[in-house]
Amino acid sequence: MAQRVGIVTTGQSPRTEYLAFHRNALRAFGLDVEVTERACLDGLDREEIRTFEIDPADGPGIGCYVHSGAPADVRMGQGWEEIFVQRDWFIERARAAIAAHEGDGADIVLMCCAEWYPADAFSTRVPLLLPYQMMFDLVRSLAGTQERLRLALLIPTDWHIDQDRATWKREDWMSQVEVSIGVGIPNGKGAESLVPSGPFDLALIWGYGDGLAPNDPDDMLDRISETLGCPVVTPNILNVQRARLLLAPAWPERIHVQPTP
């Protein structure tokens, strides 16, 4: 029987590229899955959402794509607009989306957002994957063994660059990491701007789904890796990799063993 994977998207549905990515990636890992989406801002019209929009300078927030009559978004196309909403309000909406997935019988829930959340933001009955935790874990493990880890942090826009800087100074171990921030992911500008600051040990895409949107370039990750000369890790691939480990059956390791002559 197919296992049920719930994805929580930050704005409004449908995010067809997210559904396709998570379903196909998990199936490529050998799982039989059913992936469903709960979008945190569904059920609200544009004016209701506007009440909770903020300027990034006014406090912590979350970036979202919502339906709109504004000019076509450069990544998502016609009918979409990228906005920034209050984090505390968003967390309440996200809790409701997670609870709905649990009510539907989800075996695991994946948050499709790379932002940091307070430790007490969520409490669930099934595994909940928060990409920022996995990204922190990855960098911390490398920083613990390398003398000086040089990290390229690529962010979508400069809207909340101060929020991102604060995020990457939040933990004591981050003092061992040299973080350089580049602004602009699908357009390549962030990576290009960081070249003079290189070389880097690792690049992180600090934006969920960058590279998956309809108008994102197919070779985005290859170009970033080539430009910066280092591995590139996305929050979306960390989500599906960890989900694979937490879902049954276990990875069939024996298939990778060379047959004995």
C-alpha atoms as a PDB file:
ATOM      1  CA  MET A   1       0.000   0.000   0.000  1.00  0.00           C
ATOM      2  CA  ALA A   2       1.272   3.472  -0.879  1.00  0.00           C
ATOM      3  CA  GLN A   3       2.676   5.508   1.978  1.00  0.00           C
ATOM      4  CA  ARG A   4       1.186   8.955   2.439  1.00  0.00           C
ATOM      5  CA  VAL A   5       3.510  11.942   2.277  1.00  0.00           C
ATOM      6  CA  GLY A   6       2.122  15.368   3.108  1.00  0.00           C
ATOM      7  CA  ILE A   7       3.864  18.497   1.855  1.00  0.00           C
ATOM      8  CA  VAL A   8       3.187  21.922   3.382  1.00  0.00           C
ATOM      9  CA  THR A   9       3.651  24.812   0.965  1.00  0.00           C
ATOM     10  CA  THR A  10       3.951  28.348   2.245  1.00  0.00           C
ATOM     11  CA  GLY A  11       1.548  30.192  -0.038  1.00  0.00           C
ATOM     12  CA  GLN A  12      -1.395  29.008  -2.119  1.00  0.00           C
ATOM     13  CA  SER A  13      -1.997  25.862  -4.129  1.00  0.00           C
ATOM     14  CA  PRO A  14      -1.578  24.208  -6.470  1.00  0.00           C
ATOM     15  CA  ARG A  15       2.210  23.970  -6.575  1.00  0.00           C
ATOM     16  CA  THR A  16       2.251  21.320  -9.256  1.00  0.00           C
ATOM     17  CA  GLU A  17       6.036  21.376  -9.554  1.00  0.00           C
ATOM     18  CA  TYR A  18       6.371  20.556  -5.838  1.00  0.00           C
ATOM     19  CA  LEU A  19       3.909  17.677  -6.083  1.00  0.00           C
ATOM     20  CA  ALA A  20       5.741  16.272  -9.100  1.00  0.00           C
ATOM     21  CA  PHE A  21       9.201  16.652  -7.558  1.00  0.00           C
ATOM     22  CA  HIS A  22       8.423  14.983  -4.232  1.00  0.00           C
ATOM     23  CA  ARG A  23       6.384  12.191  -5.812  1.00  0.00           C
ATOM     24  CA  ASN A  24       8.909  11.385  -8.541  1.00  0.00           C
ATOM     25  CA  ALA A  25      12.007  11.736  -6.352  1.00  0.00           C
ATOM     26  CA  LEU A  26      10.627   9.403  -3.684  1.00  0.00           C
ATOM     27  CA  ARG A  27       9.519   6.913  -6.302  1.00  0.00           C
ATOM     28  CA  ALA A  28      13.024   7.072  -7.804  1.00  0.00           C
ATOM     29  CA  PHE A  29      14.277   6.089  -4.349  1.00  0.00           C
ATOM     30  CA  GLY A  30      12.139   2.961  -4.590  1.00  0.00           C
ATOM     31  CA  LEU A  31       9.086   3.985  -2.568  1.00  0.00           C
ATOM     32  CA  ASP A  32       5.415   3.614  -3.364  1.00  0.00           C
ATOM     33  CA  VAL A  33       4.033   6.992  -2.225  1.00  0.00           C
ATOM     34  CA  GLU A  34       1.005   9.218  -2.480  1.00  0.00           C
ATOM     35  CA  VAL A  35       1.958  12.896  -2.129  1.00  0.00           C
ATOM     36  CA  THR A  36      -0.627  15.502  -1.163  1.00  0.00           C
ATOM     37  CA  GLU A  37      -0.305  19.248  -0.687  1.00  0.00           C
ATOM     38  CA  ARG A  38      -1.665  21.536   2.007  1.00  0.00           C
ATOM     39  CA  ALA A  39      -1.019  25.202   1.262  1.00  0.00           C
ATOM     40  CA  CYS A  40      -0.880  27.492   4.286  1.00  0.00           C
ATOM     41  CA  LEU A  41      -2.712  30.412   2.699  1.00  0.00           C
ATOM     42  CA  ASP A  42      -5.470  28.524   0.893  1.00  0.00           C
ATOM     43  CA  GLY A  43      -8.983  29.686   1.762  1.00  0.00           C
ATOM     44  CA  LEU A  44      -7.942  33.356   1.975  1.00  0.00           C
ATOM     45  CA  ASP A  45      -8.491  35.952  -0.707  1.00  0.00           C
ATOM     46  CA  ARG A  46      -5.829  38.451  -1.737  1.00  0.00           C
ATOM     47  CA  GLU A  47      -7.179  41.219   0.507  1.00  0.00           C
ATOM     48  CA  GLU A  48      -7.316  38.960   3.579  1.00  0.00           C
ATOM     49  CA  ILE A  49      -3.709  37.977   3.017  1.00  0.00           C
ATOM     50  CA  ARG A  50      -2.669  41.597   2.526  1.00  0.00           C
ATOM     51  CA  THR A  51      -3.573  42.280   6.164  1.00  0.00           C
ATOM     52  CA  PHE A  52      -0.665  40.084   7.257  1.00  0.00           C
ATOM     53  CA  GLU A  53       1.936  41.225   4.747  1.00  0.00           C
ATOM     54  CA  ILE A  54       4.928  43.024   6.182  1.00  0.00           C
ATOM     55  CA  ASP A  55       8.016  44.807   5.023  1.00  0.00           C
ATOM     56  CA  PRO A  56      11.069  42.659   5.872  1.00  0.00           C
ATOM     57  CA  ALA A  57      12.442  45.564   7.904  1.00  0.00           C
ATOM     58  CA  ASP A  58       9.416  45.308  10.222  1.00  0.00           C
ATOM     59  CA  GLY A  59      10.199  41.857  11.612  1.00  0.00           C
ATOM     60  CA  PRO A  60      10.694  38.168  10.801  1.00  0.00           C
ATOM     61  CA  GLY A  61       8.596  36.781   8.000  1.00  0.00           C
ATOM     62  CA  ILE A  62       8.100  34.054   5.444  1.00  0.00           C
ATOM     63  CA  GLY A  63       8.143  34.375   1.672  1.00  0.00           C
ATOM     64  CA  CYS A  64       5.062  33.015  -0.133  1.00  0.00           C
ATOM     65  CA  TYR A  65       3.659  32.735  -3.634  1.00  0.00           C
ATOM     66  CA  VAL A  66      -0.029  33.656  -3.890  1.00  0.00           C
ATOM     67  CA  HIS A  67      -2.563  34.007  -6.668  1.00  0.00           C
ATOM     68  CA  SER A  68      -2.714  37.553  -7.955  1.00  0.00           C
ATOM     69  CA  GLY A  69      -3.613  39.749 -10.872  1.00  0.00           C
ATOM     70  CA  ALA A  70      -0.219  41.440 -10.659  1.00  0.00           C
ATOM     71  CA  PRO A  71       2.174  41.279 -13.627  1.00  0.00           C
ATOM     72  CA  ALA A  72       3.528  37.794 -14.306  1.00  0.00           C
ATOM     73  CA  ASP A  73       6.082  36.591 -11.765  1.00  0.00           C
ATOM     74  CA  VAL A  74       9.515  35.988 -13.287  1.00  0.00           C
ATOM     75  CA  ARG A  75       9.704  32.436 -11.865  1.00  0.00           C
ATOM     76  CA  MET A  76       6.106  31.251 -11.530  1.00  0.00           C
ATOM     77  CA  GLY A  77       4.520  33.029 -14.475  1.00  0.00           C
ATOM     78  CA  GLN A  78       1.106  34.622 -14.936  1.00  0.00           C
ATOM     79  CA  GLY A  79      -1.292  34.700 -11.998  1.00  0.00           C
ATOM     80  CA  TRP A  80       1.342  34.473  -9.249  1.00  0.00           C
ATOM     81  CA  GLU A  81       2.919  37.031  -6.948  1.00  0.00           C
ATOM     82  CA  GLU A  82       5.667  36.636  -4.335  1.00  0.00           C
ATOM     83  CA  ILE A  83       4.952  38.298  -0.988  1.00  0.00           C
ATOM     84  CA  PHE A  84       6.297  38.379   2.597  1.00  0.00           C
ATOM     85  CA  VAL A  85       4.022  37.652   5.576  1.00  0.00           C
ATOM     86  CA  GLN A  86       4.336  37.775   9.376  1.00  0.00           C
ATOM     87  CA  ARG A  87       6.100  34.677  10.701  1.00  0.00           C
ATOM     88  CA  ASP A  88       3.957  34.219  13.839  1.00  0.00           C
ATOM     89  CA  TRP A  89       0.754  34.375  11.820  1.00  0.00           C
ATOM     90  CA  PHE A  90       2.213  32.036   9.237  1.00  0.00           C
ATOM     91  CA  ILE A  91       3.155  29.499  11.921  1.00  0.00           C
ATOM     92  CA  GLU A  92      -0.482  29.318  13.010  1.00  0.00           C
ATOM     93  CA  ARG A  93      -1.513  28.657   9.415  1.00  0.00           C
ATOM     94  CA  ALA A  94       1.227  26.038   9.040  1.00  0.00           C
ATOM     95  CA  ARG A  95       0.108  24.262  12.213  1.00  0.00           C
ATOM     96  CA  ALA A  96      -3.378  23.947  10.747  1.00  0.00           C
ATOM     97  CA  ALA A  97      -1.964  22.547   7.486  1.00  0.00           C
ATOM     98  CA  ILE A  98       0.136  19.991   9.379  1.00  0.00           C
ATOM     99  CA  ALA A  99      -2.860  18.954  11.492  1.00  0.00           C
ATOM    100  CA  ALA A 100      -4.904  18.490   8.320  1.00  0.00           C
ATOM    101  CA  HIS A 101      -2.241  16.173   6.910  1.00  0.00           C
ATOM    102  CA  GLU A 102      -2.241  14.195  10.134  1.00  0.00           C
ATOM    103  CA  GLY A 103      -6.010  13.964   9.965  1.00  0.00           C
ATOM    104  CA  ASP A 104      -5.700  12.598   6.441  1.00  0.00           C
ATOM    105  CA  GLY A 105      -3.431   9.839   7.704  1.00  0.00           C
ATOM    106  CA  ALA A 106      -0.058  11.138   6.487  1.00  0.00           C
ATOM    107  CA  ASP A 107       2.904   8.954   7.449  1.00  0.00           C
ATOM    108  CA  ILE A 108       5.296  11.914   7.284  1.00  0.00           C
ATOM    109  CA  VAL A 109       4.994  15.670   6.682  1.00  0.00           C
ATOM    110  CA  LEU A 110       7.545  17.769   4.802  1.00  0.00           C
ATOM    111  CA  MET A 111       7.714  21.551   5.262  1.00  0.00           C
ATOM    112  CA  CYS A 112       8.527  23.143   1.918  1.00  0.00           C
ATOM    113  CA  CYS A 113      10.331  26.162   3.336  1.00  0.00           C
ATOM    114  CA  ALA A 114      13.986  26.782   4.171  1.00  0.00           C
ATOM    115  CA  GLU A 115      13.434  29.412   6.872  1.00  0.00           C
ATOM    116  CA  TRP A 116      14.334  29.033  10.548  1.00  0.00           C
ATOM    117  CA  TYR A 117      11.502  28.515  13.069  1.00  0.00           C
ATOM    118  CA  PRO A 118      11.483  28.785  16.871  1.00  0.00           C
ATOM    119  CA  ALA A 119      12.040  25.459  18.642  1.00  0.00           C
ATOM    120  CA  ASP A 120       8.476  25.352  19.997  1.00  0.00           C
ATOM    121  CA  ALA A 121       6.799  26.275  16.708  1.00  0.00           C
ATOM    122  CA  PHE A 122       5.497  22.805  15.862  1.00  0.00           C
ATOM    123  CA  SER A 123       4.455  19.628  17.663  1.00  0.00           C
ATOM    124  CA  THR A 124       3.337  16.612  15.639  1.00  0.00           C
ATOM    125  CA  ARG A 125       2.331  12.980  15.967  1.00  0.00           C
ATOM    126  CA  VAL A 126       4.212  11.921  12.832  1.00  0.00           C
ATOM    127  CA  PRO A 127       7.697  12.886  11.627  1.00  0.00           C
ATOM    128  CA  LEU A 128       7.874  16.521  10.499  1.00  0.00           C
ATOM    129  CA  LEU A 129      10.865  17.529   8.386  1.00  0.00           C
ATOM    130  CA  LEU A 130      12.082  21.119   8.646  1.00  0.00           C
ATOM    131  CA  PRO A 131      14.772  21.809   6.037  1.00  0.00           C
ATOM    132  CA  TYR A 132      16.602  24.451   8.082  1.00  0.00           C
ATOM    133  CA  GLN A 133      17.378  21.804  10.721  1.00  0.00           C
ATOM    134  CA  MET A 134      18.906  19.474   8.142  1.00  0.00           C
ATOM    135  CA  MET A 135      20.910  22.297   6.590  1.00  0.00           C
ATOM    136  CA  PHE A 136      22.191  23.314  10.016  1.00  0.00           C
ATOM    137  CA  ASP A 137      23.086  19.679  10.768  1.00  0.00           C
ATOM    138  CA  LEU A 138      25.014  19.318   7.513  1.00  0.00           C
ATOM    139  CA  VAL A 139      27.066  22.481   7.987  1.00  0.00           C
ATOM    140  CA  ARG A 140      27.674  21.794  11.687  1.00  0.00           C
ATOM    141  CA  SER A 141      29.010  18.306  10.962  1.00  0.00           C
ATOM    142  CA  LEU A 142      31.463  19.677   8.392  1.00  0.00           C
ATOM    143  CA  ALA A 143      32.499  22.593  10.605  1.00  0.00           C
ATOM    144  CA  GLY A 144      33.279  20.140  13.388  1.00  0.00           C
ATOM    145  CA  THR A 145      36.049  18.493  11.370  1.00  0.00           C
ATOM    146  CA  GLN A 146      37.363  21.231   9.073  1.00  0.00           C
ATOM    147  CA  GLU A 147      39.576  24.005  10.368  1.00  0.00           C
ATOM    148  CA  ARG A 148      37.571  26.695   8.617  1.00  0.00           C
ATOM    149  CA  LEU A 149      34.477  25.914   6.575  1.00  0.00           C
ATOM    150  CA  ARG A 150      33.762  28.362   3.773  1.00  0.00           C
ATOM    151  CA  LEU A 151      30.052  28.441   2.976  1.00  0.00           C
ATOM    152  CA  ALA A 152      28.339  30.139   0.040  1.00  0.00           C
ATOM    153  CA  LEU A 153      24.767  30.922   1.062  1.00  0.00           C
ATOM    154  CA  LEU A 154      22.550  31.720  -1.913  1.00  0.00           C
ATOM    155  CA  ILE A 155      19.301  33.555  -1.188  1.00  0.00           C
ATOM    156  CA  PRO A 156      16.497  34.412  -3.650  1.00  0.00           C
ATOM    157  CA  THR A 157      16.214  38.166  -3.011  1.00  0.00           C
ATOM    158  CA  ASP A 158      17.631  40.840  -0.749  1.00  0.00           C
ATOM    159  CA  TRP A 159      14.200  41.307   0.898  1.00  0.00           C
ATOM    160  CA  HIS A 160      15.216  39.707   4.157  1.00  0.00           C
ATOM    161  CA  ILE A 161      18.989  39.476   3.932  1.00  0.00           C
ATOM    162  CA  ASP A 162      19.279  40.802   7.498  1.00  0.00           C
ATOM    163  CA  GLN A 163      16.990  37.972   8.678  1.00  0.00           C
ATOM    164  CA  ASP A 164      19.196  35.459   6.860  1.00  0.00           C
ATOM    165  CA  ARG A 165      22.375  36.900   8.338  1.00  0.00           C
ATOM    166  CA  ALA A 166      20.850  36.625  11.802  1.00  0.00           C
ATOM    167  CA  THR A 167      19.810  33.011  11.120  1.00  0.00           C
ATOM    168  CA  TRP A 168      23.383  32.041  10.274  1.00  0.00           C
ATOM    169  CA  LYS A 169      24.776  33.601  13.450  1.00  0.00           C
ATOM    170  CA  ARG A 170      22.188  31.965  15.710  1.00  0.00           C
ATOM    171  CA  GLU A 171      24.202  28.963  16.933  1.00  0.00           C
ATOM    172  CA  ASP A 172      27.579  28.998  18.716  1.00  0.00           C
ATOM    173  CA  TRP A 173      29.133  26.583  16.204  1.00  0.00           C
ATOM    174  CA  MET A 174      28.456  29.049  13.398  1.00  0.00           C
ATOM    175  CA  SER A 175      31.474  31.061  14.542  1.00  0.00           C
ATOM    176  CA  GLN A 176      33.532  28.289  12.893  1.00  0.00           C
ATOM    177  CA  VAL A 177      31.874  28.927   9.525  1.00  0.00           C
ATOM    178  CA  GLU A 178      32.806  31.705   7.124  1.00  0.00           C
ATOM    179  CA  VAL A 179      29.502  32.605   5.459  1.00  0.00           C
ATOM    180  CA  SER A 180      29.299  34.642   2.257  1.00  0.00           C
ATOM    181  CA  ILE A 181      25.842  35.578   0.950  1.00  0.00           C
ATOM    182  CA  GLY A 182      24.950  35.878  -2.705  1.00  0.00           C
ATOM    183  CA  VAL A 183      21.603  37.327  -3.821  1.00  0.00           C
ATOM    184  CA  GLY A 184      19.824  35.780  -6.810  1.00  0.00           C
ATOM    185  CA  ILE A 185      19.506  32.046  -7.415  1.00  0.00           C
ATOM    186  CA  PRO A 186      17.835  31.027 -10.719  1.00  0.00           C
ATOM    187  CA  ASN A 187      19.305  34.037 -12.545  1.00  0.00           C
ATOM    188  CA  GLY A 188      22.830  33.072 -11.461  1.00  0.00           C
ATOM    189  CA  LYS A 189      23.652  36.520 -10.094  1.00  0.00           C
ATOM    190  CA  GLY A 190      24.187  35.301  -6.546  1.00  0.00           C
ATOM    191  CA  ALA A 191      26.810  32.757  -7.577  1.00  0.00           C
ATOM    192  CA  GLU A 192      28.545  35.192  -9.909  1.00  0.00           C
ATOM    193  CA  SER A 193      28.769  37.818  -7.170  1.00  0.00           C
ATOM    194  CA  LEU A 194      30.474  35.316  -4.846  1.00  0.00           C
ATOM    195  CA  VAL A 195      33.240  34.234  -7.203  1.00  0.00           C
ATOM    196  CA  PRO A 196      35.752  36.829  -5.895  1.00  0.00           C
ATOM    197  CA  SER A 197      35.130  35.573  -2.326  1.00  0.00           C
ATOM    198  CA  GLY A 198      35.868  31.933  -3.192  1.00  0.00           C
ATOM    199  CA  PRO A 199      36.916  29.203  -3.163  1.00  0.00           C
ATOM    200  CA  PHE A 200      34.088  27.591  -1.177  1.00  0.00           C
ATOM    201  CA  ASP A 201      33.676  24.192   0.424  1.00  0.00           C
ATOM    202  CA  LEU A 202      29.895  24.100   0.028  1.00  0.00           C
ATOM    203  CA  ALA A 203      27.023  26.124  -1.397  1.00  0.00           C
ATOM    204  CA  LEU A 204      23.533  26.068   0.125  1.00  0.00           C
ATOM    205  CA  ILE A 205      20.402  27.145  -1.705  1.00  0.00           C
ATOM    206  CA  TRP A 206      18.485  29.046   0.993  1.00  0.00           C
ATOM    207  CA  GLY A 207      15.206  28.996  -0.897  1.00  0.00           C
ATOM    208  CA  TYR A 208      12.880  26.031  -1.171  1.00  0.00           C
ATOM    209  CA  GLY A 209      12.088  24.945  -4.694  1.00  0.00           C
ATOM    210  CA  ASP A 210      14.519  27.256  -6.462  1.00  0.00           C
ATOM    211  CA  GLY A 211      15.232  25.351  -9.635  1.00  0.00           C
ATOM    212  CA  LEU A 212      11.778  23.696  -9.711  1.00  0.00           C
ATOM    213  CA  ALA A 213       9.533  26.611 -10.746  1.00  0.00           C
ATOM    214  CA  PRO A 214       8.176  26.645 -14.328  1.00  0.00           C
ATOM    215  CA  ASN A 215      10.522  29.407 -15.516  1.00  0.00           C
ATOM    216  CA  ASP A 216      13.649  28.329 -13.605  1.00  0.00           C
ATOM    217  CA  PRO A 217      16.512  27.143 -15.861  1.00  0.00           C
ATOM    218  CA  ASP A 218      16.903  23.375 -16.148  1.00  0.00           C
ATOM    219  CA  ASP A 219      20.655  23.575 -15.586  1.00  0.00           C
ATOM    220  CA  MET A 220      20.542  25.956 -12.605  1.00  0.00           C
ATOM    221  CA  LEU A 221      22.320  23.694 -10.112  1.00  0.00           C
ATOM    222  CA  ASP A 222      24.974  22.617 -12.617  1.00  0.00           C
ATOM    223  CA  ARG A 223      25.744  26.243 -13.450  1.00  0.00           C
ATOM    224  CA  ILE A 224      25.978  27.267  -9.797  1.00  0.00           C
ATOM    225  CA  SER A 225      28.272  24.353  -8.998  1.00  0.00           C
ATOM    226  CA  GLU A 226      30.479  25.140 -11.993  1.00  0.00           C
ATOM    227  CA  THR A 227      30.597  28.853 -11.151  1.00  0.00           C
ATOM    228  CA  LEU A 228      31.510  28.320  -7.499  1.00  0.00           C
ATOM    229  CA  GLY A 229      33.558  25.140  -7.927  1.00  0.00           C
ATOM    230  CA  CYS A 230      31.912  23.310  -5.027  1.00  0.00           C
ATOM    231  CA  PRO A 231      28.989  20.992  -4.198  1.00  0.00           C
ATOM    232  CA  VAL A 232      25.535  22.589  -4.108  1.00  0.00           C
ATOM    233  CA  VAL A 233      22.837  21.372  -1.695  1.00  0.00           C
ATOM    234  CA  THR A 234      19.159  22.287  -1.845  1.00  0.00           C
ATOM    235  CA  PRO A 235      16.587  22.071   0.969  1.00  0.00           C
ATOM    236  CA  ASN A 236      14.216  20.108  -1.243  1.00  0.00           C
ATOM    237  CA  ILE A 237      16.686  17.282  -1.869  1.00  0.00           C
ATOM    238  CA  LEU A 238      17.509  17.120   1.853  1.00  0.00           C
ATOM    239  CA  ASN A 239      13.786  16.739   2.515  1.00  0.00           C
ATOM    240  CA  VAL A 240      13.301  13.784   0.182  1.00  0.00           C
ATOM    241  CA  GLN A 241      16.540  12.087   1.244  1.00  0.00           C
ATOM    242  CA  ARG A 242      15.596  12.227   4.924  1.00  0.00           C
ATOM    243  CA  ALA A 243      12.025  11.173   4.128  1.00  0.00           C
ATOM    244  CA  ARG A 244      13.406   8.129   2.295  1.00  0.00           C
ATOM    245  CA  LEU A 245      15.292   7.079   5.419  1.00  0.00           C
ATOM    246  CA  LEU A 246      12.222   7.483   7.619  1.00  0.00           C
ATOM    247  CA  LEU A 247       9.805   5.563   5.437  1.00  0.00           C
ATOM    248  CA  ALA A 248       9.546   1.785   5.037  1.00  0.00           C
ATOM    249  CA  PRO A 249      10.868  -0.418   3.644  1.00  0.00           C
ATOM    250  CA  ALA A 250      14.506   0.228   4.498  1.00  0.00           C
ATOM    251  CA  TRP A 251      16.897   1.039   1.673  1.00  0.00           C
ATOM    252  CA  PRO A 252      17.752  -2.275  -0.083  1.00  0.00           C
ATOM    253  CA  GLU A 253      21.504  -2.041   0.510  1.00  0.00           C
ATOM    254  CA  ARG A 254      22.371  -5.515  -0.805  1.00  0.00           C
ATOM    255  CA  ILE A 255      21.567  -4.504  -4.380  1.00  0.00           C
ATOM    256  CA  HIS A 256      24.721  -2.372  -4.360  1.00  0.00           C
ATOM    257  CA  VAL A 257      27.037  -5.261  -3.442  1.00  0.00           C
ATOM    258  CA  GLN A 258      29.023  -6.805  -6.277  1.00  0.00           C
ATOM    259  CA  PRO A 259      28.074 -10.458  -6.765  1.00  0.00           C
ATOM    260  CA  THR A 260      30.646 -12.944  -5.503  1.00  0.00           C
ATOM    261  CA  PRO A 261      32.365 -14.731  -8.430  1.00  0.00           C
END
